[in-house]
Amino acid sequence: MLRGIDVSSYQSSSYDTYGLSFVFIKATEGRTYTNPKLAAQTKTGRDAGLVVGFYHFLWPGNLTAQAEYFVSKAPEKAGDILAVDWETTGDGTHASNAEKDRFIRKVKELRPNHRVILYTNRNYWLNVDTTSYAGDGLWIADYVTAGKPRIQAKWRFHQYTDDPLDKNVADFTSKSALRNWADA
């Protein structure tokens, strides 16, 4: 298993990369928010030679506009991974299954040479999701032993803790295998 983290504006722009193979960086949310540390956090990951991914926190409604906003703000480099973060919003709502699926498909249409994956938590995957559509891969949050999420589905990334920061593992045999997958 490969080790990685995900960061947002709550984390430092110069986060520790020692022992990591990948990083996911929050890029956008809705149609108006862009992570103010996006450029600096991206530079830290790239300078360390990490596989870099970007995620968008999905709100209900205006899926095309959200997808266009996300790809206009997320850096575009071959091998970057794009992800949609599908969970409960700050006002207690969430995008529907159809909206989640449309968003993933729209991002894949706008960035056809990039992997587009779904990030969601175990509860959403088991109790809210009705389509099981995760684009090119599932990134599951379940705070248990690293690499052992309590789901039956095939997953690519597992967020296993948020203490002291969001830590993840990836189900790849090597960093080069992850990079090859991301480049496809």
C-alpha atoms as a PDB file:
ATOM      1  CA  MET A   1       0.000   0.000   0.000  1.00  0.00           C
ATOM      2  CA  LEU A   2       1.144   3.486  -0.824  1.00  0.00           C
ATOM      3  CA  ARG A   3       0.798   6.314   1.673  1.00  0.00           C
ATOM      4  CA  GLY A   4      -0.697   9.729   0.958  1.00  0.00           C
ATOM      5  CA  ILE A   5      -2.631  12.617   2.446  1.00  0.00           C
ATOM      6  CA  ASP A   6      -5.279  15.072   1.407  1.00  0.00           C
ATOM      7  CA  VAL A   7      -5.068  18.753   2.242  1.00  0.00           C
ATOM      8  CA  SER A   8      -7.227  21.856   2.069  1.00  0.00           C
ATOM      9  CA  SER A   9      -6.849  25.466   3.178  1.00  0.00           C
ATOM     10  CA  TYR A  10      -6.846  24.195   6.782  1.00  0.00           C
ATOM     11  CA  GLN A  11      -3.405  22.652   6.259  1.00  0.00           C
ATOM     12  CA  SER A  12      -0.065  24.311   5.663  1.00  0.00           C
ATOM     13  CA  SER A  13       1.125  25.090   2.159  1.00  0.00           C
ATOM     14  CA  SER A  14       4.406  23.388   3.068  1.00  0.00           C
ATOM     15  CA  TYR A  15       2.988  20.124   4.434  1.00  0.00           C
ATOM     16  CA  ASP A  16       5.344  17.238   5.232  1.00  0.00           C
ATOM     17  CA  THR A  17       5.788  14.929   2.225  1.00  0.00           C
ATOM     18  CA  TYR A  18       8.207  12.446   3.777  1.00  0.00           C
ATOM     19  CA  GLY A  19       7.209   8.851   3.019  1.00  0.00           C
ATOM     20  CA  LEU A  20       4.282   9.886   0.823  1.00  0.00           C
ATOM     21  CA  SER A  21       3.533   8.800  -2.738  1.00  0.00           C
ATOM     22  CA  PHE A  22       0.497  10.986  -3.409  1.00  0.00           C
ATOM     23  CA  VAL A  23      -1.492  14.001  -2.274  1.00  0.00           C
ATOM     24  CA  PHE A  24      -5.030  15.151  -2.994  1.00  0.00           C
ATOM     25  CA  ILE A  25      -5.563  18.908  -2.734  1.00  0.00           C
ATOM     26  CA  LYS A  26      -8.914  20.632  -2.363  1.00  0.00           C
ATOM     27  CA  ALA A  27      -9.302  22.881  -5.376  1.00  0.00           C
ATOM     28  CA  THR A  28     -12.879  24.122  -5.360  1.00  0.00           C
ATOM     29  CA  GLU A  29     -16.311  23.957  -3.790  1.00  0.00           C
ATOM     30  CA  GLY A  30     -19.633  24.802  -5.392  1.00  0.00           C
ATOM     31  CA  ARG A  31     -19.322  27.531  -8.023  1.00  0.00           C
ATOM     32  CA  THR A  32     -17.434  30.226  -6.129  1.00  0.00           C
ATOM     33  CA  TYR A  33     -14.867  28.851  -3.651  1.00  0.00           C
ATOM     34  CA  THR A  34     -11.249  28.236  -4.619  1.00  0.00           C
ATOM     35  CA  ASN A  35      -8.692  27.047  -2.068  1.00  0.00           C
ATOM     36  CA  PRO A  36      -6.437  30.102  -1.489  1.00  0.00           C
ATOM     37  CA  LYS A  37      -3.457  27.771  -0.892  1.00  0.00           C
ATOM     38  CA  LEU A  38      -4.052  25.726  -4.067  1.00  0.00           C
ATOM     39  CA  ALA A  39      -0.974  26.917  -5.989  1.00  0.00           C
ATOM     40  CA  ALA A  40       1.410  26.627  -3.035  1.00  0.00           C
ATOM     41  CA  GLN A  41       0.079  23.212  -1.947  1.00  0.00           C
ATOM     42  CA  THR A  42       0.352  21.977  -5.539  1.00  0.00           C
ATOM     43  CA  LYS A  43       3.963  23.183  -5.745  1.00  0.00           C
ATOM     44  CA  THR A  44       4.836  21.336  -2.520  1.00  0.00           C
ATOM     45  CA  GLY A  45       3.441  18.072  -3.907  1.00  0.00           C
ATOM     46  CA  ARG A  46       5.030  18.445  -7.329  1.00  0.00           C
ATOM     47  CA  ASP A  47       8.412  19.463  -5.877  1.00  0.00           C
ATOM     48  CA  ALA A  48       8.370  16.269  -3.772  1.00  0.00           C
ATOM     49  CA  GLY A  49       7.605  14.130  -6.844  1.00  0.00           C
ATOM     50  CA  LEU A  50       4.191  13.048  -5.565  1.00  0.00           C
ATOM     51  CA  VAL A  51       1.294  11.939  -7.751  1.00  0.00           C
ATOM     52  CA  VAL A  52      -1.062  14.909  -7.382  1.00  0.00           C
ATOM     53  CA  GLY A  53      -4.833  14.910  -7.355  1.00  0.00           C
ATOM     54  CA  PHE A  54      -7.391  17.657  -6.963  1.00  0.00           C
ATOM     55  CA  TYR A  55     -10.887  17.474  -5.528  1.00  0.00           C
ATOM     56  CA  HIS A  56     -14.085  19.459  -5.758  1.00  0.00           C
ATOM     57  CA  PHE A  57     -16.605  19.557  -2.888  1.00  0.00           C
ATOM     58  CA  LEU A  58     -19.930  18.990  -4.642  1.00  0.00           C
ATOM     59  CA  TRP A  59     -23.082  20.967  -3.856  1.00  0.00           C
ATOM     60  CA  PRO A  60     -26.522  20.145  -5.256  1.00  0.00           C
ATOM     61  CA  GLY A  61     -27.542  21.954  -8.448  1.00  0.00           C
ATOM     62  CA  ASN A  62     -25.733  23.640 -11.318  1.00  0.00           C
ATOM     63  CA  LEU A  63     -23.653  20.559 -12.118  1.00  0.00           C
ATOM     64  CA  THR A  64     -22.308  21.793 -15.444  1.00  0.00           C
ATOM     65  CA  ALA A  65     -21.316  25.124 -13.923  1.00  0.00           C
ATOM     66  CA  GLN A  66     -19.624  23.359 -10.988  1.00  0.00           C
ATOM     67  CA  ALA A  67     -17.714  21.018 -13.309  1.00  0.00           C
ATOM     68  CA  GLU A  68     -16.601  23.910 -15.502  1.00  0.00           C
ATOM     69  CA  TYR A  69     -15.552  25.904 -12.434  1.00  0.00           C
ATOM     70  CA  PHE A  70     -13.572  22.942 -11.059  1.00  0.00           C
ATOM     71  CA  VAL A  71     -11.630  22.267 -14.260  1.00  0.00           C
ATOM     72  CA  SER A  72     -10.983  25.999 -14.750  1.00  0.00           C
ATOM     73  CA  LYS A  73      -9.276  26.169 -11.329  1.00  0.00           C
ATOM     74  CA  ALA A  74      -7.637  22.733 -10.935  1.00  0.00           C
ATOM     75  CA  PRO A  75      -4.175  22.707 -12.492  1.00  0.00           C
ATOM     76  CA  GLU A  76      -3.971  20.620 -15.647  1.00  0.00           C
ATOM     77  CA  LYS A  77      -0.918  18.410 -15.913  1.00  0.00           C
ATOM     78  CA  ALA A  78      -0.751  14.933 -17.405  1.00  0.00           C
ATOM     79  CA  GLY A  79      -1.095  12.326 -14.672  1.00  0.00           C
ATOM     80  CA  ASP A  80      -3.097  14.493 -12.274  1.00  0.00           C
ATOM     81  CA  ILE A  81      -6.147  12.789 -10.772  1.00  0.00           C
ATOM     82  CA  LEU A  82      -9.459  14.612 -10.381  1.00  0.00           C
ATOM     83  CA  ALA A  83     -11.978  13.720  -7.689  1.00  0.00           C
ATOM     84  CA  VAL A  84     -15.459  14.705  -6.612  1.00  0.00           C
ATOM     85  CA  ASP A  85     -16.061  14.903  -2.854  1.00  0.00           C
ATOM     86  CA  TRP A  86     -19.658  13.751  -2.321  1.00  0.00           C
ATOM     87  CA  GLU A  87     -20.948  14.158   1.225  1.00  0.00           C
ATOM     88  CA  THR A  88     -23.202  16.368   3.334  1.00  0.00           C
ATOM     89  CA  THR A  89     -22.763  20.095   2.703  1.00  0.00           C
ATOM     90  CA  GLY A  90     -22.479  22.797   5.328  1.00  0.00           C
ATOM     91  CA  ASP A  91     -26.215  23.421   5.130  1.00  0.00           C
ATOM     92  CA  GLY A  92     -27.113  19.747   5.596  1.00  0.00           C
ATOM     93  CA  THR A  93     -27.940  18.923   1.966  1.00  0.00           C
ATOM     94  CA  HIS A  94     -26.167  16.772  -0.594  1.00  0.00           C
ATOM     95  CA  ALA A  95     -26.120  16.316  -4.331  1.00  0.00           C
ATOM     96  CA  SER A  96     -28.349  13.504  -5.560  1.00  0.00           C
ATOM     97  CA  ASN A  97     -27.031  10.282  -7.077  1.00  0.00           C
ATOM     98  CA  ALA A  98     -27.928  11.575 -10.541  1.00  0.00           C
ATOM     99  CA  GLU A  99     -26.127  14.869  -9.869  1.00  0.00           C
ATOM    100  CA  LYS A 100     -23.025  13.063  -8.592  1.00  0.00           C
ATOM    101  CA  ASP A 101     -22.994  10.839 -11.687  1.00  0.00           C
ATOM    102  CA  ARG A 102     -23.551  13.796 -14.056  1.00  0.00           C
ATOM    103  CA  PHE A 103     -20.750  15.770 -12.414  1.00  0.00           C
ATOM    104  CA  ILE A 104     -18.256  12.910 -12.816  1.00  0.00           C
ATOM    105  CA  ARG A 105     -19.266  12.416 -16.455  1.00  0.00           C
ATOM    106  CA  LYS A 106     -19.023  16.148 -17.185  1.00  0.00           C
ATOM    107  CA  VAL A 107     -15.540  16.387 -15.652  1.00  0.00           C
ATOM    108  CA  LYS A 108     -14.471  13.332 -17.705  1.00  0.00           C
ATOM    109  CA  GLU A 109     -15.842  15.087 -20.795  1.00  0.00           C
ATOM    110  CA  LEU A 110     -13.984  18.320 -19.977  1.00  0.00           C
ATOM    111  CA  ARG A 111     -10.721  16.554 -19.043  1.00  0.00           C
ATOM    112  CA  PRO A 112     -10.812  13.328 -21.100  1.00  0.00           C
ATOM    113  CA  ASN A 113      -7.148  12.484 -20.472  1.00  0.00           C
ATOM    114  CA  HIS A 114      -7.446  12.456 -16.688  1.00  0.00           C
ATOM    115  CA  ARG A 115      -8.698   9.887 -14.214  1.00  0.00           C
ATOM    116  CA  VAL A 116     -11.833  11.108 -12.436  1.00  0.00           C
ATOM    117  CA  ILE A 117     -12.763   9.370  -9.182  1.00  0.00           C
ATOM    118  CA  LEU A 118     -15.374   9.552  -6.441  1.00  0.00           C
ATOM    119  CA  TYR A 119     -14.552  10.364  -2.810  1.00  0.00           C
ATOM    120  CA  THR A 120     -17.266   9.480  -0.345  1.00  0.00           C
ATOM    121  CA  ASN A 121     -17.631   8.021   3.121  1.00  0.00           C
ATOM    122  CA  ARG A 122     -18.742   4.519   4.019  1.00  0.00           C
ATOM    123  CA  ASN A 123     -22.241   5.631   5.068  1.00  0.00           C
ATOM    124  CA  TYR A 124     -22.858   7.359   1.731  1.00  0.00           C
ATOM    125  CA  TRP A 125     -21.492   4.420  -0.240  1.00  0.00           C
ATOM    126  CA  LEU A 126     -23.655   1.896   1.623  1.00  0.00           C
ATOM    127  CA  ASN A 127     -26.802   3.901   2.372  1.00  0.00           C
ATOM    128  CA  VAL A 128     -27.080   6.901   0.025  1.00  0.00           C
ATOM    129  CA  ASP A 129     -25.479   5.773  -3.234  1.00  0.00           C
ATOM    130  CA  THR A 130     -27.854   3.865  -5.492  1.00  0.00           C
ATOM    131  CA  THR A 131     -25.807   3.824  -8.708  1.00  0.00           C
ATOM    132  CA  SER A 132     -22.349   2.698  -7.519  1.00  0.00           C
ATOM    133  CA  TYR A 133     -20.883   4.962 -10.207  1.00  0.00           C
ATOM    134  CA  ALA A 134     -17.431   6.115  -9.143  1.00  0.00           C
ATOM    135  CA  GLY A 135     -15.945   7.118 -12.494  1.00  0.00           C
ATOM    136  CA  ASP A 136     -12.445   5.665 -12.755  1.00  0.00           C
ATOM    137  CA  GLY A 137     -12.189   4.610  -9.123  1.00  0.00           C
ATOM    138  CA  LEU A 138     -13.504   4.826  -5.592  1.00  0.00           C
ATOM    139  CA  TRP A 139     -11.781   6.777  -2.816  1.00  0.00           C
ATOM    140  CA  ILE A 140     -13.545   5.623   0.338  1.00  0.00           C
ATOM    141  CA  ALA A 141     -13.428   7.234   3.784  1.00  0.00           C
ATOM    142  CA  ASP A 142     -13.799   4.739   6.621  1.00  0.00           C
ATOM    143  CA  TYR A 143     -11.834   5.330   9.809  1.00  0.00           C
ATOM    144  CA  VAL A 144     -10.551   1.836  10.471  1.00  0.00           C
ATOM    145  CA  THR A 145      -7.296  -0.027   9.806  1.00  0.00           C
ATOM    146  CA  ALA A 146      -5.511   1.400   6.768  1.00  0.00           C
ATOM    147  CA  GLY A 147      -6.363  -0.568   3.651  1.00  0.00           C
ATOM    148  CA  LYS A 148      -9.301  -2.396   5.218  1.00  0.00           C
ATOM    149  CA  PRO A 149     -12.421  -0.287   4.569  1.00  0.00           C
ATOM    150  CA  ARG A 150     -15.652  -2.045   5.520  1.00  0.00           C
ATOM    151  CA  ILE A 151     -17.140  -2.240   2.021  1.00  0.00           C
ATOM    152  CA  GLN A 152     -17.414  -4.950  -0.622  1.00  0.00           C
ATOM    153  CA  ALA A 153     -16.627  -2.723  -3.619  1.00  0.00           C
ATOM    154  CA  LYS A 154     -13.225  -2.400  -5.261  1.00  0.00           C
ATOM    155  CA  TRP A 155     -11.533   0.787  -4.142  1.00  0.00           C
ATOM    156  CA  ARG A 156      -8.376   2.639  -5.245  1.00  0.00           C
ATOM    157  CA  PHE A 157      -7.831   4.946  -2.263  1.00  0.00           C
ATOM    158  CA  HIS A 158      -8.794   4.624   1.402  1.00  0.00           C
ATOM    159  CA  GLN A 159      -8.910   7.564   3.818  1.00  0.00           C
ATOM    160  CA  TYR A 160      -8.491   5.839   7.167  1.00  0.00           C
ATOM    161  CA  THR A 161      -8.066   8.701   9.637  1.00  0.00           C
ATOM    162  CA  ASP A 162      -8.363  12.452   9.985  1.00  0.00           C
ATOM    163  CA  ASP A 163      -6.180  12.690  13.103  1.00  0.00           C
ATOM    164  CA  PRO A 164      -3.989  14.712  13.044  1.00  0.00           C
ATOM    165  CA  LEU A 165      -4.704  15.104   9.304  1.00  0.00           C
ATOM    166  CA  ASP A 166      -6.426  13.151   6.530  1.00  0.00           C
ATOM    167  CA  LYS A 167      -4.278  10.100   5.856  1.00  0.00           C
ATOM    168  CA  ASN A 168      -4.835   7.716   2.980  1.00  0.00           C
ATOM    169  CA  VAL A 169      -3.483   4.578   1.398  1.00  0.00           C
ATOM    170  CA  ALA A 170      -3.665   3.607  -2.264  1.00  0.00           C
ATOM    171  CA  ASP A 171      -4.129   0.059  -3.532  1.00  0.00           C
ATOM    172  CA  PHE A 172      -1.175   0.009  -5.931  1.00  0.00           C
ATOM    173  CA  THR A 173       1.991  -2.082  -5.788  1.00  0.00           C
ATOM    174  CA  SER A 174       4.307   0.881  -6.340  1.00  0.00           C
ATOM    175  CA  LYS A 175       4.392   4.603  -6.962  1.00  0.00           C
ATOM    176  CA  SER A 176       5.216   3.881 -10.606  1.00  0.00           C
ATOM    177  CA  ALA A 177       2.103   1.649 -10.840  1.00  0.00           C
ATOM    178  CA  LEU A 178       0.013   4.523  -9.446  1.00  0.00           C
ATOM    179  CA  ARG A 179       1.645   6.963 -11.863  1.00  0.00           C
ATOM    180  CA  ASN A 180       1.022   4.590 -14.806  1.00  0.00           C
ATOM    181  CA  TRP A 181      -2.641   4.225 -13.801  1.00  0.00           C
ATOM    182  CA  ALA A 182      -3.023   8.000 -13.410  1.00  0.00           C
ATOM    183  CA  ASP A 183      -1.404   8.599 -16.825  1.00  0.00           C
ATOM    184  CA  ALA A 184      -3.787   6.269 -18.639  1.00  0.00           C
END
